[in-house]
Every structure is written in structure tokens, then in C-alpha cells.
Amino acid sequence: MARPSRIDRNDVLDAAEAVVRDRGIAGVTIGGVAQAAGISKGGVQAIFGSKDQLIHAMYERWSGEFDRAVAALAGPTPSPVTALRAHAEATRRTDEAQADRAAALMTGLLTAEAWRAYPAEWYRERFDLADTGTEEGRRARIAFLATEGAFLLRSFGFLNMSDEEWQAIFADVQALLCNAEARPER
């Protein structure tokens, strides 16, 4: 098989994600990804350098796609509650393939402390949007945790939910967030 003259970074990331889905994170080796992408090991190393950098790039692509979806929903200068509402809505819109992809990648990230730092920072940034010194912020925090809990339970297959149940959960989450913005402080 002739090697492509130009290696597309996204094609290699697609191949790496396929390896994670098929073999787990242990299958993500420079050689395993090269084979899945139909390129040489040197081709993978030229783009990513190391396995850690490859996994970081996979995470960055996945979280970047989600963050862009949230930003499109939230608008240019959202309040913290609006940003969390957009986060919940983007999560609600996650399809089965996206959820499977997220679960596979998150499972892999759990296997090494260094890799857990990526989602830990991402989650901390979102968690800190809620001003827990106010009732609004506490409601927003509960809504955020409910959003992530529902997503993780569904994505990992721990709780099978019908689409109606999924939509109802997110209607409740959005109601919490709407009440968070509408209620005056006591």
C-alpha cells in the first residue's frame, strides 16, 4: 500500500479514536495508530511526537468540538448561568456516536494520572462558573452536576434511558437554570 504524500492530522486522530473504541486505550500505540491509519510509525511521530501528545490531541479535539458547540449556543459574552445553560443544551444534543466516542476517550483518560489532568481542568473551569455564594449559583451547580451525571451514566451504559427520559431530564435541568437566573437573592 502506497503511503499518502501528505498525512492528514484529523485522519490520524480518527484512526486513533477507532483504536480506542476497538481495543481500548492500551491499543493506542504509535504502531497501532499507524497501522489503523495506513501510515508509517514515523508519520504518526512526525505529527504528534509521542503517545502522550497523541492522546492529548485526541482530548483537545473532542473537548474543542464540544466547547465550540457551547459557544455557539451561549453567544459572545454569556453570563455564567447562560454558559452553563448552553453546556446543558449541547450535552442534551449529544448523539449516540458522540456519547460512545466520549465514553471511550474518558475511559482511556482514567488510566493514567497525567491524562486525568486534562478533563479535571476542563471540569473545574465549568464547575467554577457557578457562584455558590448565591442561590442562583447553587442551582446552577446542581444543574451542571445533573447534566454531567446524566451524560456519564448514559454514555457508559450504566443507565439505559429512553429518548423521552433523556429529554425530560434536560427539561428539568433547564428549568433549574432558568429559575437560577430568575430568582432574586433572599
N, C-alpha and C. Protein backbone atom coordinates (compact mmCIF):
# COMPACT_ATOMS: atom_id res chain seq x y z
N MET A 1 0.85 -1.18 0.00
CA MET A 1 0.00 0.00 0.00
C MET A 1 0.89 1.24 0.00
N ALA A 2 0.67 2.11 -0.94
CA ALA A 2 1.47 3.33 -1.03
C ALA A 2 1.06 4.30 0.07
N ARG A 3 2.07 4.94 0.65
CA ARG A 3 1.77 5.92 1.69
C ARG A 3 1.26 7.19 1.05
N PRO A 4 0.32 7.86 1.72
CA PRO A 4 -0.14 9.14 1.19
C PRO A 4 1.00 10.15 1.22
N SER A 5 1.02 11.05 0.26
CA SER A 5 2.10 12.03 0.20
C SER A 5 1.95 13.06 1.32
N ARG A 6 0.75 13.28 1.77
CA ARG A 6 0.51 14.22 2.85
C ARG A 6 -0.37 13.53 3.88
N ILE A 7 0.05 13.55 5.11
CA ILE A 7 -0.72 12.89 6.17
C ILE A 7 -1.63 13.92 6.81
N ASP A 8 -2.92 13.61 6.84
CA ASP A 8 -3.91 14.50 7.44
C ASP A 8 -4.01 14.21 8.94
N ARG A 9 -3.76 15.22 9.74
CA ARG A 9 -3.78 15.10 11.19
C ARG A 9 -5.11 14.55 11.68
N ASN A 10 -6.22 15.05 11.13
CA ASN A 10 -7.54 14.59 11.56
C ASN A 10 -7.79 13.14 11.19
N ASP A 11 -7.24 12.70 10.06
CA ASP A 11 -7.38 11.29 9.70
C ASP A 11 -6.66 10.39 10.72
N VAL A 12 -5.51 10.85 11.18
CA VAL A 12 -4.77 10.08 12.17
C VAL A 12 -5.53 10.09 13.50
N LEU A 13 -6.11 11.22 13.87
CA LEU A 13 -6.92 11.27 15.09
C LEU A 13 -8.14 10.37 14.98
N ASP A 14 -8.76 10.34 13.80
CA ASP A 14 -9.89 9.42 13.58
C ASP A 14 -9.45 7.98 13.78
N ALA A 15 -8.29 7.64 13.24
CA ALA A 15 -7.76 6.28 13.39
C ALA A 15 -7.48 5.97 14.86
N ALA A 16 -6.92 6.94 15.57
CA ALA A 16 -6.63 6.73 17.00
C ALA A 16 -7.92 6.52 17.79
N GLU A 17 -8.96 7.27 17.48
CA GLU A 17 -10.24 7.09 18.16
C GLU A 17 -10.83 5.72 17.85
N ALA A 18 -10.66 5.26 16.62
CA ALA A 18 -11.14 3.92 16.25
C ALA A 18 -10.39 2.85 17.05
N VAL A 19 -9.10 3.06 17.24
CA VAL A 19 -8.30 2.12 18.04
C VAL A 19 -8.82 2.09 19.48
N VAL A 20 -9.11 3.26 20.05
CA VAL A 20 -9.63 3.32 21.42
C VAL A 20 -10.95 2.57 21.51
N ARG A 21 -11.83 2.79 20.55
CA ARG A 21 -13.14 2.11 20.58
C ARG A 21 -12.99 0.60 20.44
N ASP A 22 -12.05 0.17 19.58
CA ASP A 22 -11.90 -1.26 19.30
C ASP A 22 -11.06 -2.01 20.33
N ARG A 23 -9.99 -1.36 20.82
CA ARG A 23 -9.03 -2.07 21.67
C ARG A 23 -8.79 -1.42 23.02
N GLY A 24 -9.42 -0.29 23.26
CA GLY A 24 -9.18 0.42 24.50
C GLY A 24 -7.93 1.28 24.39
N ILE A 25 -7.67 2.03 25.43
CA ILE A 25 -6.55 2.96 25.41
C ILE A 25 -5.21 2.23 25.33
N ALA A 26 -5.15 0.99 25.82
CA ALA A 26 -3.90 0.22 25.74
C ALA A 26 -3.50 -0.03 24.29
N GLY A 27 -4.48 -0.04 23.40
CA GLY A 27 -4.19 -0.24 21.98
C GLY A 27 -3.63 0.98 21.29
N VAL A 28 -3.69 2.11 21.98
CA VAL A 28 -3.17 3.35 21.39
C VAL A 28 -1.66 3.37 21.57
N THR A 29 -1.00 2.83 20.58
CA THR A 29 0.46 2.89 20.49
C THR A 29 0.76 3.60 19.17
N ILE A 30 1.95 4.08 19.05
CA ILE A 30 2.34 4.72 17.78
C ILE A 30 2.15 3.72 16.64
N GLY A 31 2.59 2.48 16.86
CA GLY A 31 2.46 1.45 15.83
C GLY A 31 1.01 1.08 15.55
N GLY A 32 0.20 0.95 16.60
CA GLY A 32 -1.20 0.59 16.42
C GLY A 32 -1.98 1.65 15.67
N VAL A 33 -1.72 2.90 15.98
CA VAL A 33 -2.39 4.00 15.29
C VAL A 33 -1.88 4.11 13.86
N ALA A 34 -0.58 3.93 13.67
CA ALA A 34 -0.03 3.97 12.31
C ALA A 34 -0.68 2.91 11.45
N GLN A 35 -0.80 1.71 11.98
CA GLN A 35 -1.42 0.62 11.22
C GLN A 35 -2.88 0.96 10.90
N ALA A 36 -3.61 1.47 11.88
CA ALA A 36 -5.02 1.81 11.65
C ALA A 36 -5.17 2.93 10.63
N ALA A 37 -4.21 3.85 10.61
CA ALA A 37 -4.27 4.98 9.68
C ALA A 37 -3.67 4.65 8.32
N GLY A 38 -2.98 3.51 8.22
CA GLY A 38 -2.35 3.14 6.96
C GLY A 38 -1.12 3.97 6.64
N ILE A 39 -0.40 4.38 7.70
CA ILE A 39 0.81 5.18 7.51
C ILE A 39 1.93 4.55 8.34
N SER A 40 3.12 5.12 8.23
CA SER A 40 4.25 4.61 8.99
C SER A 40 4.23 5.15 10.42
N LYS A 41 4.97 4.48 11.30
CA LYS A 41 5.12 4.97 12.66
C LYS A 41 5.73 6.38 12.64
N GLY A 42 6.68 6.56 11.75
CA GLY A 42 7.32 7.87 11.62
C GLY A 42 6.32 8.96 11.25
N GLY A 43 5.32 8.59 10.47
CA GLY A 43 4.28 9.56 10.11
C GLY A 43 3.49 10.02 11.32
N VAL A 44 3.16 9.07 12.20
CA VAL A 44 2.43 9.42 13.43
C VAL A 44 3.33 10.27 14.32
N GLN A 45 4.59 9.87 14.46
CA GLN A 45 5.51 10.61 15.31
C GLN A 45 5.80 12.00 14.76
N ALA A 46 5.82 12.14 13.46
CA ALA A 46 6.07 13.46 12.87
C ALA A 46 4.96 14.45 13.23
N ILE A 47 3.74 13.94 13.35
CA ILE A 47 2.61 14.82 13.66
C ILE A 47 2.47 15.03 15.16
N PHE A 48 2.60 13.96 15.95
CA PHE A 48 2.27 14.03 17.37
C PHE A 48 3.46 13.87 18.31
N GLY A 49 4.54 13.33 17.86
CA GLY A 49 5.72 13.17 18.70
C GLY A 49 5.69 11.94 19.58
N SER A 50 4.71 11.85 20.47
CA SER A 50 4.66 10.73 21.41
C SER A 50 3.22 10.28 21.61
N LYS A 51 3.08 9.15 22.27
CA LYS A 51 1.75 8.63 22.60
C LYS A 51 1.00 9.63 23.49
N ASP A 52 1.67 10.20 24.47
CA ASP A 52 1.01 11.17 25.35
C ASP A 52 0.51 12.38 24.56
N GLN A 53 1.32 12.86 23.63
CA GLN A 53 0.90 14.01 22.82
C GLN A 53 -0.26 13.64 21.90
N LEU A 54 -0.28 12.41 21.42
CA LEU A 54 -1.39 11.93 20.59
C LEU A 54 -2.68 11.89 21.42
N ILE A 55 -2.61 11.34 22.61
CA ILE A 55 -3.80 11.27 23.47
C ILE A 55 -4.26 12.67 23.85
N HIS A 56 -3.33 13.54 24.13
CA HIS A 56 -3.69 14.93 24.43
C HIS A 56 -4.39 15.57 23.23
N ALA A 57 -3.90 15.32 22.04
CA ALA A 57 -4.53 15.87 20.83
C ALA A 57 -5.94 15.31 20.64
N MET A 58 -6.13 14.03 20.95
CA MET A 58 -7.47 13.44 20.85
C MET A 58 -8.42 14.15 21.82
N TYR A 59 -7.96 14.36 23.04
CA TYR A 59 -8.78 15.03 24.03
C TYR A 59 -9.06 16.48 23.62
N GLU A 60 -8.04 17.17 23.16
CA GLU A 60 -8.21 18.57 22.74
C GLU A 60 -9.23 18.69 21.60
N ARG A 61 -9.18 17.78 20.66
CA ARG A 61 -10.13 17.83 19.55
C ARG A 61 -11.54 17.61 20.07
N TRP A 62 -11.72 16.59 20.89
CA TRP A 62 -13.04 16.26 21.41
C TRP A 62 -13.59 17.40 22.26
N SER A 63 -12.80 17.91 23.20
CA SER A 63 -13.29 18.98 24.07
C SER A 63 -13.48 20.27 23.28
N GLY A 64 -12.62 20.51 22.29
CA GLY A 64 -12.77 21.70 21.45
C GLY A 64 -14.06 21.70 20.65
N GLU A 65 -14.42 20.54 20.12
CA GLU A 65 -15.69 20.43 19.38
C GLU A 65 -16.86 20.75 20.30
N PHE A 66 -16.83 20.21 21.50
CA PHE A 66 -17.92 20.46 22.45
C PHE A 66 -17.93 21.93 22.85
N ASP A 67 -16.77 22.50 23.14
CA ASP A 67 -16.69 23.90 23.54
C ASP A 67 -17.21 24.83 22.45
N ARG A 68 -16.94 24.51 21.19
CA ARG A 68 -17.46 25.34 20.09
C ARG A 68 -18.99 25.24 20.02
N ALA A 69 -19.53 24.06 20.26
CA ALA A 69 -20.99 23.90 20.27
C ALA A 69 -21.60 24.73 21.40
N VAL A 70 -20.97 24.71 22.57
CA VAL A 70 -21.45 25.50 23.70
C VAL A 70 -21.37 26.99 23.38
N ALA A 71 -20.26 27.43 22.82
CA ALA A 71 -20.08 28.85 22.49
C ALA A 71 -21.12 29.32 21.48
N ALA A 72 -21.44 28.48 20.51
CA ALA A 72 -22.45 28.85 19.52
C ALA A 72 -23.82 29.02 20.17
N LEU A 73 -24.11 28.22 21.18
CA LEU A 73 -25.39 28.33 21.89
C LEU A 73 -25.40 29.49 22.88
N ALA A 74 -24.26 29.76 23.50
CA ALA A 74 -24.19 30.75 24.57
C ALA A 74 -24.10 32.18 24.07
N GLY A 75 -23.52 32.38 22.90
CA GLY A 75 -23.33 33.73 22.40
C GLY A 75 -21.98 34.29 22.83
N PRO A 76 -21.70 35.54 22.42
CA PRO A 76 -20.35 36.09 22.59
C PRO A 76 -19.92 36.40 24.03
N THR A 77 -20.79 36.91 24.88
CA THR A 77 -20.40 37.24 26.25
C THR A 77 -21.47 36.75 27.23
N PRO A 78 -21.55 35.44 27.41
CA PRO A 78 -22.61 34.90 28.25
C PRO A 78 -22.35 35.10 29.74
N SER A 79 -23.43 35.21 30.49
CA SER A 79 -23.30 35.16 31.95
C SER A 79 -22.90 33.73 32.32
N PRO A 80 -22.41 33.51 33.52
CA PRO A 80 -22.08 32.14 33.92
C PRO A 80 -23.26 31.19 33.80
N VAL A 81 -24.45 31.62 34.19
CA VAL A 81 -25.62 30.74 34.11
C VAL A 81 -25.97 30.47 32.65
N THR A 82 -25.86 31.47 31.79
CA THR A 82 -26.12 31.25 30.36
C THR A 82 -25.11 30.26 29.79
N ALA A 83 -23.85 30.36 30.21
CA ALA A 83 -22.83 29.42 29.74
C ALA A 83 -23.16 28.00 30.21
N LEU A 84 -23.62 27.85 31.44
CA LEU A 84 -23.99 26.52 31.93
C LEU A 84 -25.26 26.01 31.25
N ARG A 85 -26.18 26.92 30.94
CA ARG A 85 -27.38 26.52 30.20
C ARG A 85 -26.98 26.00 28.81
N ALA A 86 -26.07 26.69 28.16
CA ALA A 86 -25.59 26.26 26.84
C ALA A 86 -24.86 24.92 26.95
N HIS A 87 -24.11 24.74 28.02
CA HIS A 87 -23.41 23.46 28.26
C HIS A 87 -24.44 22.33 28.36
N ALA A 88 -25.50 22.56 29.13
CA ALA A 88 -26.54 21.54 29.28
C ALA A 88 -27.23 21.26 27.94
N GLU A 89 -27.50 22.30 27.17
CA GLU A 89 -28.17 22.10 25.88
C GLU A 89 -27.27 21.36 24.90
N ALA A 90 -25.99 21.69 24.87
CA ALA A 90 -25.06 20.97 23.99
C ALA A 90 -24.98 19.50 24.41
N THR A 91 -25.00 19.25 25.70
CA THR A 91 -24.99 17.86 26.18
C THR A 91 -26.27 17.15 25.78
N ARG A 92 -27.41 17.81 25.92
CA ARG A 92 -28.69 17.22 25.53
C ARG A 92 -28.67 16.80 24.07
N ARG A 93 -28.00 17.57 23.23
CA ARG A 93 -27.96 17.31 21.79
C ARG A 93 -26.94 16.23 21.40
N THR A 94 -26.18 15.74 22.35
CA THR A 94 -25.17 14.72 22.06
C THR A 94 -25.85 13.45 21.55
N ASP A 95 -25.39 12.98 20.39
CA ASP A 95 -25.98 11.76 19.84
C ASP A 95 -25.23 10.53 20.35
N GLU A 96 -25.73 9.37 19.99
CA GLU A 96 -25.16 8.12 20.49
C GLU A 96 -23.70 7.94 20.08
N ALA A 97 -23.38 8.27 18.84
CA ALA A 97 -21.99 8.12 18.38
C ALA A 97 -21.06 9.05 19.15
N GLN A 98 -21.50 10.28 19.40
CA GLN A 98 -20.68 11.22 20.17
C GLN A 98 -20.52 10.74 21.61
N ALA A 99 -21.58 10.20 22.17
CA ALA A 99 -21.51 9.69 23.55
C ALA A 99 -20.57 8.50 23.64
N ASP A 100 -20.62 7.61 22.65
CA ASP A 100 -19.71 6.46 22.63
C ASP A 100 -18.26 6.92 22.52
N ARG A 101 -18.03 7.89 21.66
CA ARG A 101 -16.69 8.44 21.48
C ARG A 101 -16.19 9.03 22.79
N ALA A 102 -17.04 9.80 23.46
CA ALA A 102 -16.66 10.42 24.72
C ALA A 102 -16.37 9.37 25.78
N ALA A 103 -17.21 8.36 25.87
CA ALA A 103 -17.00 7.31 26.87
C ALA A 103 -15.70 6.57 26.63
N ALA A 104 -15.41 6.27 25.39
CA ALA A 104 -14.16 5.56 25.07
C ALA A 104 -12.95 6.40 25.45
N LEU A 105 -12.99 7.67 25.08
CA LEU A 105 -11.86 8.54 25.39
C LEU A 105 -11.74 8.77 26.89
N MET A 106 -12.84 8.99 27.57
CA MET A 106 -12.78 9.22 29.01
C MET A 106 -12.29 7.98 29.75
N THR A 107 -12.69 6.81 29.30
CA THR A 107 -12.19 5.58 29.90
C THR A 107 -10.68 5.53 29.79
N GLY A 108 -10.17 5.88 28.64
CA GLY A 108 -8.73 5.90 28.44
C GLY A 108 -8.04 6.91 29.32
N LEU A 109 -8.65 8.07 29.49
CA LEU A 109 -8.04 9.11 30.30
C LEU A 109 -7.96 8.73 31.78
N LEU A 110 -8.81 7.82 32.20
CA LEU A 110 -8.80 7.39 33.60
C LEU A 110 -7.60 6.52 33.95
N THR A 111 -6.93 5.98 32.94
CA THR A 111 -5.88 5.00 33.20
C THR A 111 -4.55 5.60 33.64
N ALA A 112 -4.37 6.88 33.48
CA ALA A 112 -3.10 7.50 33.89
C ALA A 112 -3.38 8.86 34.51
N GLU A 113 -2.74 9.09 35.64
CA GLU A 113 -2.98 10.34 36.37
C GLU A 113 -2.68 11.57 35.50
N ALA A 114 -1.62 11.51 34.72
CA ALA A 114 -1.27 12.65 33.87
C ALA A 114 -2.38 12.95 32.87
N TRP A 115 -3.03 11.91 32.37
CA TRP A 115 -4.10 12.13 31.39
C TRP A 115 -5.37 12.63 32.05
N ARG A 116 -5.58 12.31 33.33
CA ARG A 116 -6.77 12.80 34.04
C ARG A 116 -6.70 14.30 34.26
N ALA A 117 -5.53 14.87 34.18
CA ALA A 117 -5.39 16.31 34.39
C ALA A 117 -6.16 17.10 33.33
N TYR A 118 -6.24 16.60 32.11
CA TYR A 118 -6.94 17.33 31.05
C TYR A 118 -8.41 17.52 31.38
N PRO A 119 -9.17 16.45 31.61
CA PRO A 119 -10.58 16.67 31.92
C PRO A 119 -10.79 17.31 33.30
N ALA A 120 -9.87 17.08 34.23
CA ALA A 120 -10.01 17.69 35.55
C ALA A 120 -10.00 19.21 35.43
N GLU A 121 -9.09 19.73 34.63
CA GLU A 121 -9.02 21.18 34.43
C GLU A 121 -10.27 21.68 33.71
N TRP A 122 -10.69 20.96 32.67
CA TRP A 122 -11.88 21.33 31.89
C TRP A 122 -13.11 21.38 32.80
N TYR A 123 -13.30 20.34 33.62
CA TYR A 123 -14.45 20.30 34.52
C TYR A 123 -14.36 21.40 35.58
N ARG A 124 -13.18 21.64 36.11
CA ARG A 124 -13.02 22.67 37.14
C ARG A 124 -13.42 24.04 36.59
N GLU A 125 -13.02 24.35 35.37
CA GLU A 125 -13.39 25.64 34.76
C GLU A 125 -14.90 25.80 34.70
N ARG A 126 -15.61 24.75 34.33
CA ARG A 126 -17.07 24.83 34.23
C ARG A 126 -17.72 24.85 35.61
N PHE A 127 -17.20 24.03 36.51
CA PHE A 127 -17.74 23.97 37.86
C PHE A 127 -17.62 25.34 38.54
N ASP A 128 -16.53 26.03 38.30
CA ASP A 128 -16.28 27.32 38.93
C ASP A 128 -17.13 28.45 38.35
N LEU A 129 -17.86 28.19 37.26
CA LEU A 129 -18.77 29.21 36.74
C LEU A 129 -19.89 29.50 37.73
N ALA A 130 -20.27 28.52 38.51
CA ALA A 130 -21.37 28.68 39.46
C ALA A 130 -20.87 29.40 40.72
N ASP A 131 -21.47 30.54 41.00
CA ASP A 131 -21.14 31.30 42.21
C ASP A 131 -21.93 30.70 43.37
N THR A 132 -21.29 29.84 44.12
CA THR A 132 -22.00 29.11 45.17
C THR A 132 -22.32 29.97 46.39
N GLY A 133 -21.96 31.22 46.34
CA GLY A 133 -22.34 32.15 47.40
C GLY A 133 -23.75 32.70 47.20
N THR A 134 -24.38 32.32 46.09
CA THR A 134 -25.74 32.77 45.79
C THR A 134 -26.64 31.57 45.53
N GLU A 135 -27.94 31.78 45.72
CA GLU A 135 -28.89 30.71 45.41
C GLU A 135 -28.82 30.38 43.91
N GLU A 136 -28.70 31.41 43.08
CA GLU A 136 -28.59 31.21 41.63
C GLU A 136 -27.40 30.30 41.32
N GLY A 137 -26.28 30.57 41.93
CA GLY A 137 -25.09 29.78 41.68
C GLY A 137 -25.22 28.34 42.17
N ARG A 138 -25.86 28.18 43.31
CA ARG A 138 -26.05 26.81 43.83
C ARG A 138 -26.98 26.02 42.91
N ARG A 139 -28.02 26.64 42.39
CA ARG A 139 -28.91 25.96 41.43
C ARG A 139 -28.14 25.62 40.16
N ALA A 140 -27.31 26.54 39.71
CA ALA A 140 -26.52 26.30 38.50
C ALA A 140 -25.54 25.14 38.73
N ARG A 141 -24.95 25.08 39.91
CA ARG A 141 -24.03 23.98 40.23
C ARG A 141 -24.76 22.64 40.19
N ILE A 142 -25.94 22.57 40.80
CA ILE A 142 -26.73 21.32 40.79
C ILE A 142 -27.11 20.96 39.35
N ALA A 143 -27.48 21.95 38.56
CA ALA A 143 -27.84 21.68 37.16
C ALA A 143 -26.64 21.15 36.38
N PHE A 144 -25.47 21.72 36.62
CA PHE A 144 -24.25 21.25 35.95
C PHE A 144 -23.95 19.80 36.34
N LEU A 145 -24.01 19.52 37.63
CA LEU A 145 -23.73 18.16 38.10
C LEU A 145 -24.77 17.17 37.57
N ALA A 146 -26.02 17.57 37.50
CA ALA A 146 -27.07 16.70 36.94
C ALA A 146 -26.81 16.44 35.46
N THR A 147 -26.40 17.48 34.74
CA THR A 147 -26.08 17.33 33.32
C THR A 147 -24.98 16.31 33.12
N GLU A 148 -23.89 16.48 33.84
CA GLU A 148 -22.75 15.58 33.68
C GLU A 148 -23.07 14.18 34.19
N GLY A 149 -23.80 14.09 35.28
CA GLY A 149 -24.19 12.78 35.79
C GLY A 149 -25.03 12.01 34.79
N ALA A 150 -26.02 12.68 34.22
CA ALA A 150 -26.88 12.02 33.22
C ALA A 150 -26.05 11.60 32.01
N PHE A 151 -25.18 12.49 31.55
CA PHE A 151 -24.35 12.19 30.39
C PHE A 151 -23.46 10.97 30.65
N LEU A 152 -22.78 10.96 31.78
CA LEU A 152 -21.86 9.86 32.07
C LEU A 152 -22.60 8.55 32.28
N LEU A 153 -23.71 8.58 33.00
CA LEU A 153 -24.49 7.36 33.22
C LEU A 153 -24.97 6.77 31.90
N ARG A 154 -25.45 7.64 31.02
CA ARG A 154 -25.94 7.17 29.72
C ARG A 154 -24.79 6.72 28.82
N SER A 155 -23.73 7.51 28.75
CA SER A 155 -22.61 7.21 27.85
C SER A 155 -21.91 5.91 28.21
N PHE A 156 -21.76 5.66 29.50
CA PHE A 156 -21.08 4.44 29.93
C PHE A 156 -22.01 3.24 30.00
N GLY A 157 -23.28 3.45 29.68
CA GLY A 157 -24.24 2.35 29.67
C GLY A 157 -24.66 1.89 31.05
N PHE A 158 -24.43 2.72 32.07
CA PHE A 158 -24.84 2.36 33.42
C PHE A 158 -26.33 2.57 33.64
N LEU A 159 -26.93 3.43 32.83
CA LEU A 159 -28.36 3.69 32.94
C LEU A 159 -28.92 3.87 31.54
N ASN A 160 -29.66 2.88 31.09
CA ASN A 160 -30.31 2.99 29.79
C ASN A 160 -31.49 3.93 29.93
N MET A 161 -31.53 4.94 29.07
CA MET A 161 -32.61 5.92 29.11
C MET A 161 -33.26 5.99 27.75
N SER A 162 -34.57 6.08 27.77
CA SER A 162 -35.27 6.33 26.52
C SER A 162 -35.02 7.78 26.13
N ASP A 163 -35.28 8.11 24.89
CA ASP A 163 -35.13 9.50 24.47
C ASP A 163 -36.06 10.40 25.27
N GLU A 164 -37.25 9.90 25.59
CA GLU A 164 -38.20 10.70 26.37
C GLU A 164 -37.64 11.00 27.76
N GLU A 165 -37.01 10.01 28.38
CA GLU A 165 -36.40 10.23 29.70
C GLU A 165 -35.25 11.24 29.60
N TRP A 166 -34.43 11.08 28.56
CA TRP A 166 -33.30 12.00 28.34
C TRP A 166 -33.80 13.43 28.20
N GLN A 167 -34.81 13.62 27.36
CA GLN A 167 -35.35 14.96 27.14
C GLN A 167 -35.97 15.52 28.42
N ALA A 168 -36.66 14.68 29.18
CA ALA A 168 -37.29 15.14 30.43
C ALA A 168 -36.24 15.58 31.45
N ILE A 169 -35.14 14.83 31.53
CA ILE A 169 -34.06 15.21 32.45
C ILE A 169 -33.54 16.60 32.08
N PHE A 170 -33.33 16.82 30.79
CA PHE A 170 -32.77 18.11 30.38
C PHE A 170 -33.78 19.24 30.45
N ALA A 171 -35.06 18.92 30.36
CA ALA A 171 -36.09 19.95 30.62
C ALA A 171 -36.01 20.37 32.09
N ASP A 172 -35.81 19.40 32.98
CA ASP A 172 -35.66 19.71 34.41
C ASP A 172 -34.39 20.52 34.66
N VAL A 173 -33.30 20.15 34.01
CA VAL A 173 -32.04 20.89 34.17
C VAL A 173 -32.23 22.33 33.70
N GLN A 174 -32.84 22.50 32.53
CA GLN A 174 -33.04 23.86 32.02
C GLN A 174 -33.96 24.66 32.94
N ALA A 175 -34.96 24.00 33.53
CA ALA A 175 -35.84 24.69 34.47
C ALA A 175 -35.05 25.17 35.69
N LEU A 176 -34.15 24.33 36.18
CA LEU A 176 -33.29 24.75 37.29
C LEU A 176 -32.47 25.98 36.91
N LEU A 177 -31.93 25.96 35.70
CA LEU A 177 -31.10 27.08 35.26
C LEU A 177 -31.92 28.33 35.00
N CYS A 178 -33.13 28.18 34.48
CA CYS A 178 -34.00 29.34 34.29
C CYS A 178 -34.39 29.92 35.64
N ASN A 179 -34.73 29.04 36.59
CA ASN A 179 -35.06 29.51 37.94
C ASN A 179 -33.86 30.15 38.60
N ALA A 180 -32.68 29.66 38.28
CA ALA A 180 -31.47 30.22 38.87
C ALA A 180 -31.30 31.67 38.46
N GLU A 181 -31.59 31.99 37.20
CA GLU A 181 -31.45 33.37 36.74
C GLU A 181 -32.61 34.25 37.18
N ALA A 182 -33.80 33.66 37.29
CA ALA A 182 -34.99 34.46 37.54
C ALA A 182 -35.20 34.79 39.01
N ARG A 183 -34.71 33.95 39.92
CA ARG A 183 -34.98 34.16 41.34
C ARG A 183 -34.09 35.24 41.94
N PRO A 184 -34.68 36.18 42.62
CA PRO A 184 -33.85 37.18 43.31
C PRO A 184 -33.23 36.56 44.55
N GLU A 185 -32.14 37.13 44.98
CA GLU A 185 -31.47 36.67 46.19
C GLU A 185 -32.32 37.03 47.40
N ARG A 186 -32.38 36.15 48.39
CA ARG A 186 -33.19 36.39 49.60
C ARG A 186 -32.38 37.05 50.67
